[in-house]
Amino acid sequence: MVFDVKRVKIFVTVPIEDVQKVRDAVCKAGAGEIGNYSYCTTSVKSIGTFLPNEKANPHIGTRGQLEFVEEEKLEFVCEVEKVKNVVAKLRESHPYEEPAIDIIPLIDEQCF
């Protein structure tokens, strides 16, 4: 079976104090549009961990020390043709040196 993927879902973890800035950036770039609605996102609070090595320049924490950070996992849909720009705006607005970004292809329910 072959599917024509037109939309993706993007997930990214963000420190709680920066979630609205990232949400604004990706939605202004065209993400989060579903039908007649815009700014469609959801988030779940979580605890993120990371251990910056000696080459890292961490926004939060110290090199060589395991960090635990209250974050939100922000998720939203995006048209495939907008992904490159949306991810660029996400990276520009995100405080982390290396944000963890997941991009998942979505299958249109009309295919079944």
PDB file of N, CA and C in Angstrom:
ATOM      1  N   MET A   1       0.843  -1.171   0.000  1.00  0.00           N
ATOM      2  CA  MET A   1       0.000   0.000   0.000  1.00  0.00           C
ATOM      3  C   MET A   1       0.895   1.244   0.000  1.00  0.00           C
ATOM      4  N   VAL A   2       0.589   2.219  -0.822  1.00  0.00           N
ATOM      5  CA  VAL A   2       1.350   3.458  -0.923  1.00  0.00           C
ATOM      6  C   VAL A   2       0.481   4.607  -0.417  1.00  0.00           C
ATOM      7  N   PHE A   3       1.076   5.458   0.397  1.00  0.00           N
ATOM      8  CA  PHE A   3       0.357   6.596   0.954  1.00  0.00           C
ATOM      9  C   PHE A   3       1.014   7.889   0.510  1.00  0.00           C
ATOM     10  N   ASP A   4       0.195   8.877   0.207  1.00  0.00           N
ATOM     11  CA  ASP A   4       0.678  10.208  -0.134  1.00  0.00           C
ATOM     12  C   ASP A   4       0.631  11.047   1.147  1.00  0.00           C
ATOM     13  N   VAL A   5       1.789  11.238   1.782  1.00  0.00           N
ATOM     14  CA  VAL A   5       1.847  11.970   3.045  1.00  0.00           C
ATOM     15  C   VAL A   5       1.836  13.472   2.760  1.00  0.00           C
ATOM     16  N   LYS A   6       0.829  14.136   3.309  1.00  0.00           N
ATOM     17  CA  LYS A   6       0.690  15.581   3.104  1.00  0.00           C
ATOM     18  C   LYS A   6       0.943  16.375   4.382  1.00  0.00           C
ATOM     19  N   ARG A   7       0.848  15.689   5.524  1.00  0.00           N
ATOM     20  CA  ARG A   7       1.058  16.354   6.801  1.00  0.00           C
ATOM     21  C   ARG A   7       1.935  15.490   7.699  1.00  0.00           C
ATOM     22  N   VAL A   8       2.579  16.169   8.645  1.00  0.00           N
ATOM     23  CA  VAL A   8       3.386  15.482   9.653  1.00  0.00           C
ATOM     24  C   VAL A   8       2.963  15.995  11.018  1.00  0.00           C
ATOM     25  N   LYS A   9       3.349  15.260  12.050  1.00  0.00           N
ATOM     26  CA  LYS A   9       3.211  15.747  13.415  1.00  0.00           C
ATOM     27  C   LYS A   9       4.617  15.958  13.931  1.00  0.00           C
ATOM     28  N   ILE A  10       4.843  17.106  14.526  1.00  0.00           N
ATOM     29  CA  ILE A  10       6.160  17.457  15.065  1.00  0.00           C
ATOM     30  C   ILE A  10       6.054  17.532  16.583  1.00  0.00           C
ATOM     31  N   PHE A  11       7.017  16.897  17.253  1.00  0.00           N
ATOM     32  CA  PHE A  11       7.114  16.913  18.706  1.00  0.00           C
ATOM     33  C   PHE A  11       8.449  17.554  19.076  1.00  0.00           C
ATOM     34  N   VAL A  12       8.453  18.365  20.112  1.00  0.00           N
ATOM     35  CA  VAL A  12       9.700  18.937  20.623  1.00  0.00           C
ATOM     36  C   VAL A  12       9.522  19.206  22.115  1.00  0.00           C
ATOM     37  N   THR A  13      10.557  18.939  22.895  1.00  0.00           N
ATOM     38  CA  THR A  13      10.505  19.271  24.312  1.00  0.00           C
ATOM     39  C   THR A  13      11.128  20.652  24.511  1.00  0.00           C
ATOM     40  N   VAL A  14      10.485  21.434  25.384  1.00  0.00           N
ATOM     41  CA  VAL A  14      10.863  22.832  25.581  1.00  0.00           C
ATOM     42  C   VAL A  14      10.805  23.149  27.077  1.00  0.00           C
ATOM     43  N   PRO A  15      11.776  23.895  27.614  1.00  0.00           N
ATOM     44  CA  PRO A  15      11.639  24.331  28.999  1.00  0.00           C
ATOM     45  C   PRO A  15      10.323  25.099  29.165  1.00  0.00           C
ATOM     46  N   ILE A  16       9.649  24.887  30.272  1.00  0.00           N
ATOM     47  CA  ILE A  16       8.307  25.442  30.478  1.00  0.00           C
ATOM     48  C   ILE A  16       8.253  26.947  30.212  1.00  0.00           C
ATOM     49  N   GLU A  17       9.259  27.673  30.639  1.00  0.00           N
ATOM     50  CA  GLU A  17       9.219  29.139  30.478  1.00  0.00           C
ATOM     51  C   GLU A  17       9.362  29.591  29.022  1.00  0.00           C
ATOM     52  N   ASP A  18       9.737  28.690  28.112  1.00  0.00           N
ATOM     53  CA  ASP A  18       9.927  29.052  26.702  1.00  0.00           C
ATOM     54  C   ASP A  18       8.862  28.481  25.768  1.00  0.00           C
ATOM     55  N   VAL A  19       7.886  27.764  26.307  1.00  0.00           N
ATOM     56  CA  VAL A  19       6.900  27.084  25.455  1.00  0.00           C
ATOM     57  C   VAL A  19       6.115  28.061  24.595  1.00  0.00           C
ATOM     58  N   GLN A  20       5.635  29.149  25.175  1.00  0.00           N
ATOM     59  CA  GLN A  20       4.811  30.069  24.381  1.00  0.00           C
ATOM     60  C   GLN A  20       5.613  30.716  23.258  1.00  0.00           C
ATOM     61  N   LYS A  21       6.873  31.022  23.507  1.00  0.00           N
ATOM     62  CA  LYS A  21       7.725  31.612  22.457  1.00  0.00           C
ATOM     63  C   LYS A  21       7.882  30.640  21.290  1.00  0.00           C
ATOM     64  N   VAL A  22       8.117  29.379  21.586  1.00  0.00           N
ATOM     65  CA  VAL A  22       8.271  28.372  20.527  1.00  0.00           C
ATOM     66  C   VAL A  22       6.935  28.142  19.824  1.00  0.00           C
ATOM     67  N   ARG A  23       5.852  28.044  20.593  1.00  0.00           N
ATOM     68  CA  ARG A  23       4.517  27.867  20.003  1.00  0.00           C
ATOM     69  C   ARG A  23       4.209  29.009  19.035  1.00  0.00           C
ATOM     70  N   ASP A  24       4.450  30.236  19.454  1.00  0.00           N
ATOM     71  CA  ASP A  24       4.199  31.390  18.581  1.00  0.00           C
ATOM     72  C   ASP A  24       5.025  31.293  17.303  1.00  0.00           C
ATOM     73  N   ALA A  25       6.293  30.934  17.427  1.00  0.00           N
ATOM     74  CA  ALA A  25       7.178  30.877  16.261  1.00  0.00           C
ATOM     75  C   ALA A  25       6.704  29.845  15.242  1.00  0.00           C
ATOM     76  N   VAL A  26       6.370  28.634  15.702  1.00  0.00           N
ATOM     77  CA  VAL A  26       5.978  27.591  14.741  1.00  0.00           C
ATOM     78  C   VAL A  26       4.603  27.869  14.148  1.00  0.00           C
ATOM     79  N   CYS A  27       3.695  28.394  14.959  1.00  0.00           N
ATOM     80  CA  CYS A  27       2.357  28.679  14.430  1.00  0.00           C
ATOM     81  C   CYS A  27       2.367  29.856  13.463  1.00  0.00           C
ATOM     82  N   LYS A  28       3.177  30.858  13.726  1.00  0.00           N
ATOM     83  CA  LYS A  28       3.297  31.975  12.782  1.00  0.00           C
ATOM     84  C   LYS A  28       3.942  31.530  11.476  1.00  0.00           C
ATOM     85  N   ALA A  29       4.711  30.438  11.527  1.00  0.00           N
ATOM     86  CA  ALA A  29       5.339  29.881  10.315  1.00  0.00           C
ATOM     87  C   ALA A  29       4.398  28.935   9.574  1.00  0.00           C
ATOM     88  N   GLY A  30       3.188  28.710  10.104  1.00  0.00           N
ATOM     89  CA  GLY A  30       2.193  27.905   9.389  1.00  0.00           C
ATOM     90  C   GLY A  30       1.881  26.553   9.987  1.00  0.00           C
ATOM     91  N   ALA A  31       2.487  26.200  11.096  1.00  0.00           N
ATOM     92  CA  ALA A  31       2.152  24.934  11.751  1.00  0.00           C
ATOM     93  C   ALA A  31       0.882  25.104  12.582  1.00  0.00           C
ATOM     94  N   GLY A  32       0.296  23.988  12.983  1.00  0.00           N
ATOM     95  CA  GLY A  32      -0.862  24.029  13.862  1.00  0.00           C
ATOM     96  C   GLY A  32      -2.165  24.394  13.190  1.00  0.00           C
ATOM     97  N   GLU A  33      -2.248  24.212  11.875  1.00  0.00           N
ATOM     98  CA  GLU A  33      -3.492  24.509  11.162  1.00  0.00           C
ATOM     99  C   GLU A  33      -4.263  23.215  10.910  1.00  0.00           C
ATOM    100  N   ILE A  34      -5.505  23.180  11.418  1.00  0.00           N
ATOM    101  CA  ILE A  34      -6.387  22.043  11.209  1.00  0.00           C
ATOM    102  C   ILE A  34      -7.739  22.593  10.788  1.00  0.00           C
ATOM    103  N   GLY A  35      -8.102  22.344   9.521  1.00  0.00           N
ATOM    104  CA  GLY A  35      -9.370  22.859   9.009  1.00  0.00           C
ATOM    105  C   GLY A  35      -9.448  24.362   9.129  1.00  0.00           C
ATOM    106  N   ASN A  36     -10.473  24.841   9.807  1.00  0.00           N
ATOM    107  CA  ASN A  36     -10.694  26.273   9.975  1.00  0.00           C
ATOM    108  C   ASN A  36     -10.050  26.834  11.241  1.00  0.00           C
ATOM    109  N   TYR A  37      -9.120  26.089  11.813  1.00  0.00           N
ATOM    110  CA  TYR A  37      -8.488  26.498  13.068  1.00  0.00           C
ATOM    111  C   TYR A  37      -6.988  26.656  12.894  1.00  0.00           C
ATOM    112  N   SER A  38      -6.426  27.597  13.629  1.00  0.00           N
ATOM    113  CA  SER A  38      -4.974  27.768  13.657  1.00  0.00           C
ATOM    114  C   SER A  38      -4.516  27.702  15.107  1.00  0.00           C
ATOM    115  N   TYR A  39      -3.207  27.702  15.320  1.00  0.00           N
ATOM    116  CA  TYR A  39      -2.617  27.600  16.660  1.00  0.00           C
ATOM    117  C   TYR A  39      -3.047  26.324  17.383  1.00  0.00           C
ATOM    118  N   CYS A  40      -3.302  25.254  16.631  1.00  0.00           N
ATOM    119  CA  CYS A  40      -3.683  23.979  17.235  1.00  0.00           C
ATOM    120  C   CYS A  40      -2.419  23.263  17.695  1.00  0.00           C
ATOM    121  N   THR A  41      -2.216  23.231  18.998  1.00  0.00           N
ATOM    122  CA  THR A  41      -1.077  22.538  19.591  1.00  0.00           C
ATOM    123  C   THR A  41      -1.568  21.838  20.844  1.00  0.00           C
ATOM    124  N   THR A  42      -0.750  20.966  21.352  1.00  0.00           N
ATOM    125  CA  THR A  42      -1.001  20.374  22.654  1.00  0.00           C
ATOM    126  C   THR A  42       0.343  20.174  23.328  1.00  0.00           C
ATOM    127  N   SER A  43       0.317  20.128  24.644  1.00  0.00           N
ATOM    128  CA  SER A  43       1.571  19.890  25.348  1.00  0.00           C
ATOM    129  C   SER A  43       1.313  19.098  26.620  1.00  0.00           C
ATOM    130  N   VAL A  44       2.335  18.385  27.025  1.00  0.00           N
ATOM    131  CA  VAL A  44       2.299  17.572  28.235  1.00  0.00           C
ATOM    132  C   VAL A  44       3.542  17.906  29.036  1.00  0.00           C
ATOM    133  N   LYS A  45       3.372  18.150  30.321  1.00  0.00           N
ATOM    134  CA  LYS A  45       4.531  18.436  31.167  1.00  0.00           C
ATOM    135  C   LYS A  45       5.326  17.164  31.405  1.00  0.00           C
ATOM    136  N   SER A  46       6.638  17.324  31.441  1.00  0.00           N
ATOM    137  CA  SER A  46       7.518  16.178  31.634  1.00  0.00           C
ATOM    138  C   SER A  46       8.801  16.643  32.322  1.00  0.00           C
ATOM    139  N   ILE A  47       9.622  15.683  32.672  1.00  0.00           N
ATOM    140  CA  ILE A  47      10.945  15.978  33.213  1.00  0.00           C
ATOM    141  C   ILE A  47      11.958  15.467  32.193  1.00  0.00           C
ATOM    142  N   GLY A  48      12.747  16.365  31.649  1.00  0.00           N
ATOM    143  CA  GLY A  48      13.786  15.993  30.696  1.00  0.00           C
ATOM    144  C   GLY A  48      15.120  15.864  31.410  1.00  0.00           C
ATOM    145  N   THR A  49      15.968  14.996  30.896  1.00  0.00           N
ATOM    146  CA  THR A  49      17.316  14.847  31.448  1.00  0.00           C
ATOM    147  C   THR A  49      18.343  14.985  30.341  1.00  0.00           C
ATOM    148  N   PHE A  50      19.512  15.462  30.703  1.00  0.00           N
ATOM    149  CA  PHE A  50      20.622  15.531  29.752  1.00  0.00           C
ATOM    150  C   PHE A  50      21.919  15.710  30.514  1.00  0.00           C
ATOM    151  N   LEU A  51      22.991  15.298  29.889  1.00  0.00           N
ATOM    152  CA  LEU A  51      24.331  15.393  30.477  1.00  0.00           C
ATOM    153  C   LEU A  51      25.228  16.089  29.455  1.00  0.00           C
ATOM    154  N   PRO A  52      25.479  17.399  29.601  1.00  0.00           N
ATOM    155  CA  PRO A  52      26.315  18.120  28.642  1.00  0.00           C
ATOM    156  C   PRO A  52      27.784  17.668  28.738  1.00  0.00           C
ATOM    157  N   ASN A  53      28.387  17.388  27.578  1.00  0.00           N
ATOM    158  CA  ASN A  53      29.813  17.028  27.608  1.00  0.00           C
ATOM    159  C   ASN A  53      30.665  18.304  27.615  1.00  0.00           C
ATOM    160  N   GLU A  54      31.976  18.143  27.569  1.00  0.00           N
ATOM    161  CA  GLU A  54      32.884  19.293  27.684  1.00  0.00           C
ATOM    162  C   GLU A  54      32.820  20.237  26.482  1.00  0.00           C
ATOM    163  N   LYS A  55      32.264  19.793  25.342  1.00  0.00           N
ATOM    164  CA  LYS A  55      32.136  20.655  24.163  1.00  0.00           C
ATOM    165  C   LYS A  55      30.799  21.393  24.122  1.00  0.00           C
ATOM    166  N   ALA A  56      29.876  21.016  25.000  1.00  0.00           N
ATOM    167  CA  ALA A  56      28.525  21.592  24.989  1.00  0.00           C
ATOM    168  C   ALA A  56      28.531  23.019  25.528  1.00  0.00           C
ATOM    169  N   ASN A  57      27.525  23.774  25.113  1.00  0.00           N
ATOM    170  CA  ASN A  57      27.289  25.125  25.619  1.00  0.00           C
ATOM    171  C   ASN A  57      25.840  25.160  26.116  1.00  0.00           C
ATOM    172  N   PRO A  58      25.574  24.545  27.271  1.00  0.00           N
ATOM    173  CA  PRO A  58      24.185  24.366  27.700  1.00  0.00           C
ATOM    174  C   PRO A  58      23.496  25.662  28.118  1.00  0.00           C
ATOM    175  N   HIS A  59      22.233  25.788  27.696  1.00  0.00           N
ATOM    176  CA  HIS A  59      21.381  26.906  28.092  1.00  0.00           C
ATOM    177  C   HIS A  59      21.043  26.788  29.583  1.00  0.00           C
ATOM    178  N   ILE A  60      20.845  25.558  30.015  1.00  0.00           N
ATOM    179  CA  ILE A  60      20.535  25.237  31.410  1.00  0.00           C
ATOM    180  C   ILE A  60      21.572  24.222  31.868  1.00  0.00           C
ATOM    181  N   GLY A  61      22.071  24.355  33.066  1.00  0.00           N
ATOM    182  CA  GLY A  61      22.943  23.342  33.630  1.00  0.00           C
ATOM    183  C   GLY A  61      24.423  23.606  33.420  1.00  0.00           C
ATOM    184  N   THR A  62      25.205  22.593  33.756  1.00  0.00           N
ATOM    185  CA  THR A  62      26.657  22.681  33.753  1.00  0.00           C
ATOM    186  C   THR A  62      27.250  21.485  33.037  1.00  0.00           C
ATOM    187  N   ARG A  63      28.309  21.716  32.278  1.00  0.00           N
ATOM    188  CA  ARG A  63      29.011  20.617  31.613  1.00  0.00           C
ATOM    189  C   ARG A  63      29.397  19.563  32.639  1.00  0.00           C
ATOM    190  N   GLY A  64      29.204  18.292  32.267  1.00  0.00           N
ATOM    191  CA  GLY A  64      29.613  17.186  33.114  1.00  0.00           C
ATOM    192  C   GLY A  64      28.666  16.857  34.254  1.00  0.00           C
ATOM    193  N   GLN A  65      27.525  17.547  34.340  1.00  0.00           N
ATOM    194  CA  GLN A  65      26.561  17.264  35.402  1.00  0.00           C
ATOM    195  C   GLN A  65      25.211  16.902  34.803  1.00  0.00           C
ATOM    196  N   LEU A  66      24.647  15.787  35.274  1.00  0.00           N
ATOM    197  CA  LEU A  66      23.325  15.362  34.830  1.00  0.00           C
ATOM    198  C   LEU A  66      22.293  16.380  35.298  1.00  0.00           C
ATOM    199  N   GLU A  67      21.464  16.837  34.368  1.00  0.00           N
ATOM    200  CA  GLU A  67      20.444  17.842  34.670  1.00  0.00           C
ATOM    201  C   GLU A  67      19.043  17.244  34.541  1.00  0.00           C
ATOM    202  N   PHE A  68      18.153  17.698  35.382  1.00  0.00           N
ATOM    203  CA  PHE A  68      16.731  17.354  35.330  1.00  0.00           C
ATOM    204  C   PHE A  68      15.984  18.670  35.150  1.00  0.00           C
ATOM    205  N   VAL A  69      15.183  18.775  34.092  1.00  0.00           N
ATOM    206  CA  VAL A  69      14.535  20.042  33.759  1.00  0.00           C
ATOM    207  C   VAL A  69      13.038  19.818  33.540  1.00  0.00           C
ATOM    208  N   GLU A  70      12.214  20.692  34.146  1.00  0.00           N
ATOM    209  CA  GLU A  70      10.783  20.659  33.865  1.00  0.00           C
ATOM    210  C   GLU A  70      10.573  21.209  32.459  1.00  0.00           C
ATOM    211  N   GLU A  71       9.959  20.393  31.632  1.00  0.00           N
ATOM    212  CA  GLU A  71       9.737  20.752  30.233  1.00  0.00           C
ATOM    213  C   GLU A  71       8.282  20.478  29.871  1.00  0.00           C
ATOM    214  N   GLU A  72       7.917  20.948  28.694  1.00  0.00           N
ATOM    215  CA  GLU A  72       6.661  20.540  28.075  1.00  0.00           C
ATOM    216  C   GLU A  72       7.005  19.916  26.734  1.00  0.00           C
ATOM    217  N   LYS A  73       6.337  18.815  26.431  1.00  0.00           N
ATOM    218  CA  LYS A  73       6.474  18.197  25.117  1.00  0.00           C
ATOM    219  C   LYS A  73       5.388  18.831  24.255  1.00  0.00           C
ATOM    220  N   LEU A  74       5.791  19.723  23.386  1.00  0.00           N
ATOM    221  CA  LEU A  74       4.885  20.464  22.513  1.00  0.00           C
ATOM    222  C   LEU A  74       4.705  19.687  21.225  1.00  0.00           C
ATOM    223  N   GLU A  75       3.468  19.522  20.785  1.00  0.00           N
ATOM    224  CA  GLU A  75       3.224  18.825  19.519  1.00  0.00           C
ATOM    225  C   GLU A  75       2.207  19.580  18.683  1.00  0.00           C
ATOM    226  N   PHE A  76       2.372  19.451  17.372  1.00  0.00           N
ATOM    227  CA  PHE A  76       1.512  20.156  16.427  1.00  0.00           C
ATOM    228  C   PHE A  76       1.631  19.506  15.058  1.00  0.00           C
ATOM    229  N   VAL A  77       0.626  19.725  14.210  1.00  0.00           N
ATOM    230  CA  VAL A  77       0.666  19.217  12.842  1.00  0.00           C
ATOM    231  C   VAL A  77       1.242  20.288  11.928  1.00  0.00           C
ATOM    232  N   CYS A  78       1.688  19.831  10.765  1.00  0.00           N
ATOM    233  CA  CYS A  78       2.299  20.755   9.802  1.00  0.00           C
ATOM    234  C   CYS A  78       2.183  20.167   8.404  1.00  0.00           C
ATOM    235  N   GLU A  79       1.853  20.996   7.445  1.00  0.00           N
ATOM    236  CA  GLU A  79       1.848  20.570   6.045  1.00  0.00           C
ATOM    237  C   GLU A  79       3.288  20.281   5.625  1.00  0.00           C
ATOM    238  N   VAL A  80       3.485  19.232   4.844  1.00  0.00           N
ATOM    239  CA  VAL A  80       4.835  18.808   4.445  1.00  0.00           C
ATOM    240  C   VAL A  80       5.623  19.954   3.807  1.00  0.00           C
ATOM    241  N   GLU A  81       4.978  20.743   2.961  1.00  0.00           N
ATOM    242  CA  GLU A  81       5.702  21.815   2.270  1.00  0.00           C
ATOM    243  C   GLU A  81       6.141  22.948   3.203  1.00  0.00           C
ATOM    244  N   LYS A  82       5.621  22.979   4.425  1.00  0.00           N
ATOM    245  CA  LYS A  82       5.996  24.020   5.386  1.00  0.00           C
ATOM    246  C   LYS A  82       7.021  23.540   6.416  1.00  0.00           C
ATOM    247  N   VAL A  83       7.332  22.241   6.427  1.00  0.00           N
ATOM    248  CA  VAL A  83       8.170  21.665   7.483  1.00  0.00           C
ATOM    249  C   VAL A  83       9.527  22.350   7.592  1.00  0.00           C
ATOM    250  N   LYS A  84      10.208  22.554   6.491  1.00  0.00           N
ATOM    251  CA  LYS A  84      11.560  23.117   6.538  1.00  0.00           C
ATOM    252  C   LYS A  84      11.556  24.490   7.214  1.00  0.00           C
ATOM    253  N   ASN A  85      10.627  25.349   6.843  1.00  0.00           N
ATOM    254  CA  ASN A  85      10.538  26.685   7.435  1.00  0.00           C
ATOM    255  C   ASN A  85      10.100  26.611   8.898  1.00  0.00           C
ATOM    256  N   VAL A  86       9.127  25.753   9.201  1.00  0.00           N
ATOM    257  CA  VAL A  86       8.647  25.606  10.577  1.00  0.00           C
ATOM    258  C   VAL A  86       9.777  25.134  11.490  1.00  0.00           C
ATOM    259  N   VAL A  87      10.539  24.140  11.047  1.00  0.00           N
ATOM    260  CA  VAL A  87      11.645  23.637  11.869  1.00  0.00           C
ATOM    261  C   VAL A  87      12.725  24.714  12.023  1.00  0.00           C
ATOM    262  N   ALA A  88      12.965  25.500  10.990  1.00  0.00           N
ATOM    263  CA  ALA A  88      13.942  26.596  11.095  1.00  0.00           C
ATOM    264  C   ALA A  88      13.483  27.600  12.161  1.00  0.00           C
ATOM    265  N   LYS A  89      12.203  27.956  12.148  1.00  0.00           N
ATOM    266  CA  LYS A  89      11.669  28.901  13.141  1.00  0.00           C
ATOM    267  C   LYS A  89      11.671  28.282  14.536  1.00  0.00           C
ATOM    268  N   LEU A  90      11.410  26.980  14.618  1.00  0.00           N
ATOM    269  CA  LEU A  90      11.475  26.283  15.902  1.00  0.00           C
ATOM    270  C   LEU A  90      12.877  26.394  16.477  1.00  0.00           C
ATOM    271  N   ARG A  91      13.879  26.084  15.664  1.00  0.00           N
ATOM    272  CA  ARG A  91      15.272  26.138  16.126  1.00  0.00           C
ATOM    273  C   ARG A  91      15.684  27.560  16.525  1.00  0.00           C
ATOM    274  N   GLU A  92      15.230  28.567  15.767  1.00  0.00           N
ATOM    275  CA  GLU A  92      15.556  29.968  16.092  1.00  0.00           C
ATOM    276  C   GLU A  92      14.985  30.391  17.438  1.00  0.00           C
ATOM    277  N   SER A  93      13.809  29.895  17.772  1.00  0.00           N
ATOM    278  CA  SER A  93      13.121  30.333  18.989  1.00  0.00           C
ATOM    279  C   SER A  93      13.415  29.448  20.202  1.00  0.00           C
ATOM    280  N   HIS A  94      13.946  28.270  19.967  1.00  0.00           N
ATOM    281  CA  HIS A  94      14.196  27.308  21.048  1.00  0.00           C
ATOM    282  C   HIS A  94      15.502  27.655  21.761  1.00  0.00           C
ATOM    283  N   PRO A  95      15.516  27.608  23.095  1.00  0.00           N
ATOM    284  CA  PRO A  95      16.731  27.994  23.812  1.00  0.00           C
ATOM    285  C   PRO A  95      17.839  26.942  23.798  1.00  0.00           C
ATOM    286  N   TYR A  96      17.516  25.685  23.519  1.00  0.00           N
ATOM    287  CA  TYR A  96      18.528  24.630  23.588  1.00  0.00           C
ATOM    288  C   TYR A  96      19.459  24.652  22.390  1.00  0.00           C
ATOM    289  N   GLU A  97      20.692  24.318  22.635  1.00  0.00           N
ATOM    290  CA  GLU A  97      21.705  24.184  21.584  1.00  0.00           C
ATOM    291  C   GLU A  97      21.308  23.084  20.594  1.00  0.00           C
ATOM    292  N   GLU A  98      20.749  21.986  21.109  1.00  0.00           N
ATOM    293  CA  GLU A  98      20.333  20.836  20.290  1.00  0.00           C
ATOM    294  C   GLU A  98      18.940  20.376  20.718  1.00  0.00           C
ATOM    295  N   PRO A  99      17.863  21.029  20.256  1.00  0.00           N
ATOM    296  CA  PRO A  99      16.532  20.566  20.648  1.00  0.00           C
ATOM    297  C   PRO A  99      16.230  19.194  20.027  1.00  0.00           C
ATOM    298  N   ALA A 100      15.548  18.361  20.797  1.00  0.00           N
ATOM    299  CA  ALA A 100      15.137  17.041  20.296  1.00  0.00           C
ATOM    300  C   ALA A 100      13.832  17.213  19.528  1.00  0.00           C
ATOM    301  N   ILE A 101      13.880  17.019  18.220  1.00  0.00           N
ATOM    302  CA  ILE A 101      12.724  17.231  17.347  1.00  0.00           C
ATOM    303  C   ILE A 101      12.363  15.908  16.683  1.00  0.00           C
ATOM    304  N   ASP A 102      11.109  15.477  16.847  1.00  0.00           N
ATOM    305  CA  ASP A 102      10.603  14.280  16.174  1.00  0.00           C
ATOM    306  C   ASP A 102       9.613  14.721  15.106  1.00  0.00           C
ATOM    307  N   ILE A 103       9.738  14.155  13.907  1.00  0.00           N
ATOM    308  CA  ILE A 103       8.814  14.453  12.813  1.00  0.00           C
ATOM    309  C   ILE A 103       8.228  13.125  12.345  1.00  0.00           C
ATOM    310  N   ILE A 104       6.907  12.990  12.491  1.00  0.00           N
ATOM    311  CA  ILE A 104       6.211  11.743  12.193  1.00  0.00           C
ATOM    312  C   ILE A 104       5.251  11.965  11.021  1.00  0.00           C
ATOM    313  N   PRO A 105       5.362  11.161   9.948  1.00  0.00           N
ATOM    314  CA  PRO A 105       4.408  11.301   8.842  1.00  0.00           C
ATOM    315  C   PRO A 105       3.004  10.891   9.284  1.00  0.00           C
ATOM    316  N   LEU A 106       2.006  11.608   8.814  1.00  0.00           N
ATOM    317  CA  LEU A 106       0.610  11.303   9.127  1.00  0.00           C
ATOM    318  C   LEU A 106      -0.087  10.752   7.886  1.00  0.00           C
ATOM    319  N   ILE A 107      -0.869   9.736   8.100  1.00  0.00           N
ATOM    320  CA  ILE A 107      -1.665   9.150   7.012  1.00  0.00           C
ATOM    321  C   ILE A 107      -3.068   9.711   7.115  1.00  0.00           C
ATOM    322  N   ASP A 108      -3.582  10.240   6.030  1.00  0.00           N
ATOM    323  CA  ASP A 108      -4.925  10.804   5.996  1.00  0.00           C
ATOM    324  C   ASP A 108      -5.932   9.680   6.209  1.00  0.00           C
ATOM    325  N   GLU A 109      -6.868   9.912   7.115  1.00  0.00           N
ATOM    326  CA  GLU A 109      -7.870   8.888   7.396  1.00  0.00           C
ATOM    327  C   GLU A 109      -8.724   8.550   6.176  1.00  0.00           C
ATOM    328  N   GLN A 110      -8.743   9.426   5.196  1.00  0.00           N
ATOM    329  CA  GLN A 110      -9.507   9.168   3.959  1.00  0.00           C
ATOM    330  C   GLN A 110      -8.908   8.013   3.162  1.00  0.00           C
ATOM    331  N   CYS A 111      -7.659   7.633   3.455  1.00  0.00           N
ATOM    332  CA  CYS A 111      -6.974   6.553   2.727  1.00  0.00           C
ATOM    333  C   CYS A 111      -7.568   5.187   3.057  1.00  0.00           C
ATOM    334  N   PHE A 112      -8.343   5.091   4.110  1.00  0.00           N
ATOM    335  CA  PHE A 112      -8.844   3.774   4.545  1.00  0.00           C
ATOM    336  C   PHE A 112     -10.314   3.599   4.241  1.00  0.00           C
TER     337      PHE A 112
END
